[in-house]
Each structure stands twice: as structure tokens, then as C-alpha cells.
N, C-alpha and C. Protein backbone atom coordinates (compact mmCIF):
# COMPACT_ATOMS: atom_id res chain seq x y z
N MET A 1 0.85 -1.18 0.00
CA MET A 1 0.00 0.00 0.00
C MET A 1 0.89 1.25 0.00
N GLN A 2 0.49 2.23 -0.74
CA GLN A 2 1.24 3.47 -0.83
C GLN A 2 1.28 4.16 0.55
N LEU A 3 2.45 4.69 0.91
CA LEU A 3 2.66 5.29 2.22
C LEU A 3 1.69 6.42 2.51
N GLU A 4 1.49 7.31 1.57
CA GLU A 4 0.61 8.46 1.78
C GLU A 4 -0.83 8.00 2.00
N LYS A 5 -1.24 7.00 1.25
CA LYS A 5 -2.61 6.48 1.38
C LYS A 5 -2.78 5.80 2.73
N LEU A 6 -1.80 4.99 3.13
CA LEU A 6 -1.89 4.32 4.42
C LEU A 6 -1.91 5.35 5.55
N ALA A 7 -1.13 6.41 5.44
CA ALA A 7 -1.13 7.46 6.46
C ALA A 7 -2.53 8.06 6.59
N SER A 8 -3.15 8.38 5.47
CA SER A 8 -4.50 8.96 5.49
C SER A 8 -5.50 7.99 6.10
N GLU A 9 -5.42 6.74 5.70
CA GLU A 9 -6.36 5.74 6.21
C GLU A 9 -6.15 5.49 7.70
N TRP A 10 -4.89 5.48 8.15
CA TRP A 10 -4.63 5.27 9.58
C TRP A 10 -5.16 6.45 10.40
N ILE A 11 -4.95 7.66 9.91
CA ILE A 11 -5.48 8.84 10.60
C ILE A 11 -6.99 8.74 10.70
N ASP A 12 -7.64 8.43 9.58
CA ASP A 12 -9.10 8.28 9.58
C ASP A 12 -9.55 7.17 10.53
N ALA A 13 -8.76 6.12 10.63
CA ALA A 13 -9.12 4.98 11.48
C ALA A 13 -9.11 5.32 12.96
N GLN A 14 -8.50 6.41 13.33
CA GLN A 14 -8.44 6.77 14.74
C GLN A 14 -9.74 7.42 15.22
N ARG A 15 -10.61 7.73 14.30
CA ARG A 15 -11.90 8.31 14.68
C ARG A 15 -12.79 7.19 15.23
N ILE A 16 -13.43 7.47 16.33
CA ILE A 16 -14.29 6.47 16.96
C ILE A 16 -15.71 6.63 16.46
N ASP A 17 -16.31 5.53 16.12
CA ASP A 17 -17.72 5.52 15.77
C ASP A 17 -18.50 5.74 17.07
N LYS A 18 -19.12 6.90 17.18
CA LYS A 18 -19.78 7.29 18.43
C LYS A 18 -20.95 6.36 18.80
N ASP A 19 -21.53 5.69 17.82
CA ASP A 19 -22.66 4.82 18.12
C ASP A 19 -22.26 3.55 18.84
N ASP A 20 -21.14 2.97 18.44
CA ASP A 20 -20.78 1.70 19.06
C ASP A 20 -19.38 1.69 19.65
N GLN A 21 -18.73 2.86 19.71
CA GLN A 21 -17.43 3.01 20.36
C GLN A 21 -16.35 2.08 19.80
N ARG A 22 -16.38 1.85 18.49
CA ARG A 22 -15.34 1.04 17.87
C ARG A 22 -14.53 1.91 16.94
N LEU A 23 -13.28 1.59 16.80
CA LEU A 23 -12.46 2.26 15.80
C LEU A 23 -12.94 1.86 14.42
N ALA A 24 -12.88 2.80 13.51
CA ALA A 24 -13.25 2.53 12.13
C ALA A 24 -12.01 2.07 11.36
N ASN A 25 -12.21 1.42 10.24
CA ASN A 25 -11.13 1.06 9.31
C ASN A 25 -10.01 0.28 9.98
N THR A 26 -10.33 -0.81 10.59
CA THR A 26 -9.30 -1.61 11.25
C THR A 26 -8.26 -2.19 10.29
N PRO A 27 -8.52 -2.37 8.97
CA PRO A 27 -7.44 -2.84 8.10
C PRO A 27 -6.23 -1.90 8.10
N ALA A 28 -6.46 -0.60 8.17
CA ALA A 28 -5.34 0.35 8.23
C ALA A 28 -4.57 0.19 9.53
N ILE A 29 -5.28 -0.01 10.61
CA ILE A 29 -4.62 -0.21 11.91
C ILE A 29 -3.81 -1.49 11.88
N ASP A 30 -4.40 -2.55 11.34
CA ASP A 30 -3.68 -3.82 11.24
C ASP A 30 -2.43 -3.70 10.38
N ALA A 31 -2.53 -2.94 9.28
CA ALA A 31 -1.37 -2.76 8.39
C ALA A 31 -0.23 -2.07 9.12
N VAL A 32 -0.55 -1.09 9.97
CA VAL A 32 0.49 -0.38 10.72
C VAL A 32 1.11 -1.30 11.77
N ILE A 33 0.30 -2.11 12.41
CA ILE A 33 0.83 -3.08 13.38
C ILE A 33 1.79 -4.05 12.68
N GLU A 34 1.41 -4.51 11.51
CA GLU A 34 2.28 -5.43 10.75
C GLU A 34 3.60 -4.77 10.37
N LEU A 35 3.56 -3.48 10.02
CA LEU A 35 4.81 -2.78 9.72
C LEU A 35 5.74 -2.77 10.93
N GLY A 36 5.16 -2.60 12.11
CA GLY A 36 5.97 -2.61 13.33
C GLY A 36 6.69 -3.92 13.54
N ILE A 37 6.09 -4.99 13.07
CA ILE A 37 6.69 -6.32 13.22
C ILE A 37 7.65 -6.62 12.07
N ASP A 38 7.22 -6.33 10.84
CA ASP A 38 7.94 -6.77 9.66
C ASP A 38 8.85 -5.73 9.01
N ASP A 39 8.55 -4.45 9.20
CA ASP A 39 9.26 -3.42 8.43
C ASP A 39 9.37 -2.11 9.22
N PRO A 40 10.21 -2.09 10.26
CA PRO A 40 10.30 -0.87 11.08
C PRO A 40 10.77 0.36 10.30
N GLU A 41 11.56 0.17 9.25
CA GLU A 41 11.99 1.31 8.43
C GLU A 41 10.80 2.01 7.79
N THR A 42 9.90 1.22 7.22
CA THR A 42 8.71 1.80 6.60
C THR A 42 7.79 2.38 7.66
N LEU A 43 7.71 1.74 8.82
CA LEU A 43 6.90 2.29 9.91
C LEU A 43 7.41 3.68 10.30
N TRP A 44 8.71 3.84 10.41
CA TRP A 44 9.31 5.13 10.74
C TRP A 44 8.91 6.18 9.70
N LEU A 45 9.03 5.84 8.43
CA LEU A 45 8.65 6.77 7.36
C LEU A 45 7.16 7.10 7.41
N LEU A 46 6.35 6.11 7.71
CA LEU A 46 4.92 6.33 7.83
C LEU A 46 4.61 7.28 8.97
N MET A 47 5.26 7.09 10.10
CA MET A 47 5.02 7.98 11.24
C MET A 47 5.42 9.42 10.90
N LEU A 48 6.53 9.58 10.22
CA LEU A 48 6.93 10.93 9.81
C LEU A 48 5.91 11.54 8.86
N GLU A 49 5.37 10.72 7.96
CA GLU A 49 4.33 11.20 7.05
C GLU A 49 3.09 11.63 7.83
N ILE A 50 2.67 10.83 8.78
CA ILE A 50 1.50 11.17 9.60
C ILE A 50 1.75 12.46 10.36
N LEU A 51 2.92 12.58 10.97
CA LEU A 51 3.24 13.78 11.76
C LEU A 51 3.38 15.03 10.90
N SER A 52 3.61 14.86 9.61
CA SER A 52 3.74 16.01 8.72
C SER A 52 2.38 16.59 8.31
N ARG A 53 1.32 15.86 8.57
CA ARG A 53 -0.02 16.28 8.15
C ARG A 53 -0.55 17.40 9.04
N LYS A 54 -1.10 18.42 8.40
CA LYS A 54 -1.68 19.55 9.15
C LYS A 54 -2.98 19.15 9.83
N GLU A 55 -3.70 18.16 9.26
CA GLU A 55 -5.02 17.84 9.78
C GLU A 55 -5.01 16.96 11.03
N ILE A 56 -3.85 16.50 11.48
CA ILE A 56 -3.87 15.64 12.66
C ILE A 56 -4.10 16.49 13.91
N ASP A 57 -4.80 15.89 14.85
CA ASP A 57 -5.08 16.57 16.10
C ASP A 57 -4.35 15.88 17.24
N ASP A 58 -4.56 16.38 18.44
CA ASP A 58 -3.86 15.84 19.61
C ASP A 58 -4.20 14.37 19.85
N ASP A 59 -5.43 13.96 19.53
CA ASP A 59 -5.80 12.56 19.73
C ASP A 59 -4.97 11.63 18.84
N VAL A 60 -4.75 12.04 17.60
CA VAL A 60 -3.94 11.22 16.68
C VAL A 60 -2.50 11.16 17.17
N ILE A 61 -1.97 12.28 17.64
CA ILE A 61 -0.60 12.31 18.16
C ILE A 61 -0.48 11.39 19.38
N THR A 62 -1.48 11.41 20.24
CA THR A 62 -1.48 10.55 21.42
C THR A 62 -1.44 9.08 21.02
N VAL A 63 -2.33 8.68 20.10
CA VAL A 63 -2.39 7.29 19.67
C VAL A 63 -1.11 6.88 18.96
N LEU A 64 -0.56 7.77 18.15
CA LEU A 64 0.69 7.46 17.46
C LEU A 64 1.80 7.20 18.47
N GLY A 65 1.89 8.04 19.51
CA GLY A 65 2.92 7.85 20.52
C GLY A 65 2.74 6.58 21.32
N ALA A 66 1.52 6.35 21.79
CA ALA A 66 1.25 5.20 22.65
C ALA A 66 1.16 3.89 21.87
N GLY A 67 1.08 3.98 20.56
CA GLY A 67 0.96 2.79 19.73
C GLY A 67 2.19 2.52 18.90
N PRO A 68 2.18 2.95 17.63
CA PRO A 68 3.29 2.62 16.73
C PRO A 68 4.66 3.12 17.19
N LEU A 69 4.73 4.33 17.73
CA LEU A 69 6.03 4.85 18.16
C LEU A 69 6.55 4.06 19.36
N GLU A 70 5.69 3.78 20.30
CA GLU A 70 6.10 2.97 21.46
C GLU A 70 6.58 1.59 21.02
N ASP A 71 5.88 0.99 20.07
CA ASP A 71 6.28 -0.33 19.57
C ASP A 71 7.64 -0.26 18.86
N LEU A 72 7.83 0.78 18.06
CA LEU A 72 9.10 0.95 17.35
C LEU A 72 10.25 1.05 18.33
N ILE A 73 10.07 1.85 19.36
CA ILE A 73 11.13 2.04 20.36
C ILE A 73 11.36 0.76 21.16
N ALA A 74 10.29 0.07 21.52
CA ALA A 74 10.43 -1.16 22.31
C ALA A 74 11.20 -2.23 21.54
N GLU A 75 10.94 -2.33 20.26
CA GLU A 75 11.55 -3.39 19.46
C GLU A 75 12.84 -2.98 18.75
N ASN A 76 13.00 -1.68 18.48
CA ASN A 76 14.13 -1.21 17.66
C ASN A 76 14.73 0.08 18.21
N GLY A 77 14.67 0.25 19.52
CA GLY A 77 15.13 1.49 20.13
C GLY A 77 16.56 1.87 19.83
N GLU A 78 17.43 0.89 19.84
CA GLU A 78 18.84 1.16 19.59
C GLU A 78 19.07 1.61 18.15
N GLU A 79 18.36 0.99 17.23
CA GLU A 79 18.51 1.32 15.82
C GLU A 79 17.99 2.72 15.48
N PHE A 80 16.97 3.18 16.20
CA PHE A 80 16.31 4.44 15.83
C PHE A 80 16.64 5.62 16.72
N ILE A 81 17.40 5.45 17.79
CA ILE A 81 17.67 6.55 18.72
C ILE A 81 18.28 7.76 18.02
N GLY A 82 19.23 7.55 17.14
CA GLY A 82 19.87 8.67 16.44
C GLY A 82 18.90 9.42 15.56
N ARG A 83 18.09 8.69 14.82
CA ARG A 83 17.11 9.34 13.94
C ARG A 83 16.05 10.08 14.74
N ILE A 84 15.64 9.49 15.84
CA ILE A 84 14.64 10.16 16.68
C ILE A 84 15.22 11.45 17.23
N LYS A 85 16.44 11.40 17.76
CA LYS A 85 17.07 12.62 18.30
C LYS A 85 17.18 13.70 17.23
N THR A 86 17.60 13.32 16.04
CA THR A 86 17.74 14.28 14.95
C THR A 86 16.39 14.89 14.60
N GLU A 87 15.39 14.07 14.46
CA GLU A 87 14.05 14.54 14.07
C GLU A 87 13.43 15.43 15.15
N LEU A 88 13.72 15.14 16.41
CA LEU A 88 13.17 15.94 17.50
C LEU A 88 13.64 17.39 17.44
N GLY A 89 14.78 17.63 16.80
CA GLY A 89 15.29 18.99 16.68
C GLY A 89 14.37 19.92 15.91
N SER A 90 13.53 19.36 15.04
CA SER A 90 12.66 20.21 14.22
C SER A 90 11.20 19.76 14.20
N ASN A 91 10.85 18.73 14.92
CA ASN A 91 9.51 18.17 14.82
C ASN A 91 8.81 18.21 16.18
N THR A 92 8.05 19.26 16.40
CA THR A 92 7.36 19.42 17.69
C THR A 92 6.25 18.38 17.88
N LYS A 93 5.66 17.90 16.78
CA LYS A 93 4.63 16.87 16.91
C LYS A 93 5.25 15.55 17.38
N LEU A 94 6.45 15.24 16.91
CA LEU A 94 7.13 14.04 17.40
C LEU A 94 7.45 14.20 18.88
N ALA A 95 7.89 15.39 19.28
CA ALA A 95 8.18 15.63 20.69
C ALA A 95 6.93 15.40 21.54
N SER A 96 5.80 15.83 21.04
CA SER A 96 4.55 15.61 21.76
C SER A 96 4.21 14.12 21.82
N ALA A 97 4.36 13.42 20.71
CA ALA A 97 4.08 11.98 20.67
C ALA A 97 4.98 11.22 21.63
N MET A 98 6.21 11.65 21.78
CA MET A 98 7.16 10.96 22.67
C MET A 98 6.66 10.94 24.11
N THR A 99 5.90 11.94 24.52
CA THR A 99 5.42 12.00 25.90
C THR A 99 4.40 10.91 26.21
N PHE A 100 3.88 10.25 25.17
CA PHE A 100 2.90 9.17 25.36
C PHE A 100 3.53 7.78 25.22
N VAL A 101 4.84 7.74 25.04
CA VAL A 101 5.57 6.48 24.92
C VAL A 101 6.01 6.03 26.31
N TRP A 102 5.67 4.80 26.65
CA TRP A 102 6.15 4.19 27.88
C TRP A 102 7.33 3.30 27.55
N VAL A 103 8.40 3.44 28.32
CA VAL A 103 9.58 2.59 28.15
C VAL A 103 9.87 1.88 29.46
N SER A 104 10.39 0.67 29.36
CA SER A 104 10.73 -0.11 30.55
C SER A 104 12.23 -0.35 30.58
N GLU A 105 12.67 -1.07 31.61
CA GLU A 105 14.10 -1.29 31.84
C GLU A 105 14.82 -1.92 30.67
N ASP A 106 14.12 -2.69 29.86
CA ASP A 106 14.79 -3.43 28.81
C ASP A 106 14.93 -2.68 27.48
N VAL A 107 14.47 -1.43 27.41
CA VAL A 107 14.61 -0.68 26.17
C VAL A 107 16.08 -0.36 25.94
N ARG A 108 16.49 -0.40 24.72
CA ARG A 108 17.87 -0.10 24.35
C ARG A 108 17.90 1.10 23.44
N PRO A 109 18.87 1.99 23.52
CA PRO A 109 20.11 1.84 24.26
C PRO A 109 19.96 2.02 25.76
N SER A 110 19.06 2.88 26.25
CA SER A 110 18.86 2.94 27.69
C SER A 110 17.57 3.69 28.00
N VAL A 111 16.98 3.34 29.13
CA VAL A 111 15.78 4.03 29.58
C VAL A 111 16.07 5.52 29.73
N LYS A 112 17.23 5.86 30.29
CA LYS A 112 17.56 7.26 30.53
C LYS A 112 17.59 8.05 29.22
N GLU A 113 18.18 7.48 28.18
CA GLU A 113 18.22 8.20 26.91
C GLU A 113 16.81 8.50 26.41
N TYR A 114 15.92 7.54 26.53
CA TYR A 114 14.56 7.76 26.05
C TYR A 114 13.74 8.64 26.99
N THR A 115 13.94 8.52 28.29
CA THR A 115 13.20 9.41 29.18
C THR A 115 13.70 10.85 29.02
N ASP A 116 14.98 11.02 28.72
CA ASP A 116 15.50 12.35 28.44
C ASP A 116 14.86 12.96 27.19
N LEU A 117 14.34 12.12 26.30
CA LEU A 117 13.68 12.59 25.08
C LEU A 117 12.18 12.78 25.28
N GLY A 118 11.68 12.51 26.48
CA GLY A 118 10.28 12.76 26.76
C GLY A 118 9.44 11.54 27.06
N CYS A 119 9.98 10.34 26.86
CA CYS A 119 9.23 9.12 27.14
C CYS A 119 9.02 8.97 28.65
N GLN A 120 8.01 8.20 29.00
CA GLN A 120 7.69 7.95 30.40
C GLN A 120 8.20 6.57 30.79
N PHE A 121 8.84 6.49 31.94
CA PHE A 121 9.33 5.21 32.43
C PHE A 121 8.18 4.46 33.09
N VAL A 122 8.07 3.18 32.79
CA VAL A 122 7.12 2.31 33.49
C VAL A 122 7.85 1.03 33.80
N SER A 123 7.71 0.57 35.02
CA SER A 123 8.36 -0.67 35.40
C SER A 123 7.72 -1.83 34.65
N ALA A 124 8.55 -2.76 34.22
CA ALA A 124 8.03 -3.94 33.52
C ALA A 124 7.06 -4.70 34.42
N LYS A 125 7.22 -4.58 35.71
CA LYS A 125 6.35 -5.25 36.65
C LYS A 125 4.95 -4.63 36.66
N ALA A 126 4.85 -3.38 36.24
CA ALA A 126 3.56 -2.69 36.25
C ALA A 126 2.74 -2.98 35.00
N THR A 127 3.37 -3.53 33.98
CA THR A 127 2.64 -3.77 32.72
C THR A 127 1.98 -5.11 32.69
């Protein structure tokens, strides 16, 4: 699926159907989850695309941080720390999303590096 299209569909999928309190468009959500498992590079590019959109609101930023970004850091924290630090220099939406990321003792390169970037520490025992 084209990155721009998936970004739009994922953003739309974050809207809750007020009648039955379910997320809409779960195929887009599932596709993003699969990227987190199979293709973290593309997930990173997708997140940057989503964060570049003017139409995203605080709810989308919250879900992005607590979902795909948290998963990326948990599974690939060491690989992406440099890129995240660089991007934080000019991306205030990423900085906001980072505040919704929970990291535990086992994140690499270190919990301190990620909490210094805005992530919240949570004990693995609390999850």
C-alpha cells in the first residue's frame, strides 16, 4: 500500500464511531501493526508522514505515541535513537508523541536516553 494512502487511512481509522465506540477502518490499523513487526523502516517513514499532516489533532498524536512509536522504540530502540534525536530537533509533533511512549528497563540503548527525550518510564512489573 502506498505510504501516503496508508497514512491517510490510519489517521481516519483513529476516529471512533460514536454509536458503538469502535475504531473505524481496522485494516489500516492492522497494516500499521504489521509494519511494526515486519518493516520498522517503513513504519518510521509512515510515522513521519503522519506527523507532517496539518489535519492531525492531539488525539492522533497521542495514539501514534502510545501505539506505533512505542512499539518501534520497544523493538528497535537502539537502531532508531539517532534518527529520533535528529528529528526531535525540528519536529514538535514528534516531541509531543514521545510523551505518550512508555519505556521499561529493557529498552535499548537505555531508559535514561529515552526518558531524556520525553518518554515515560514504566516498570516492567507494572505492565
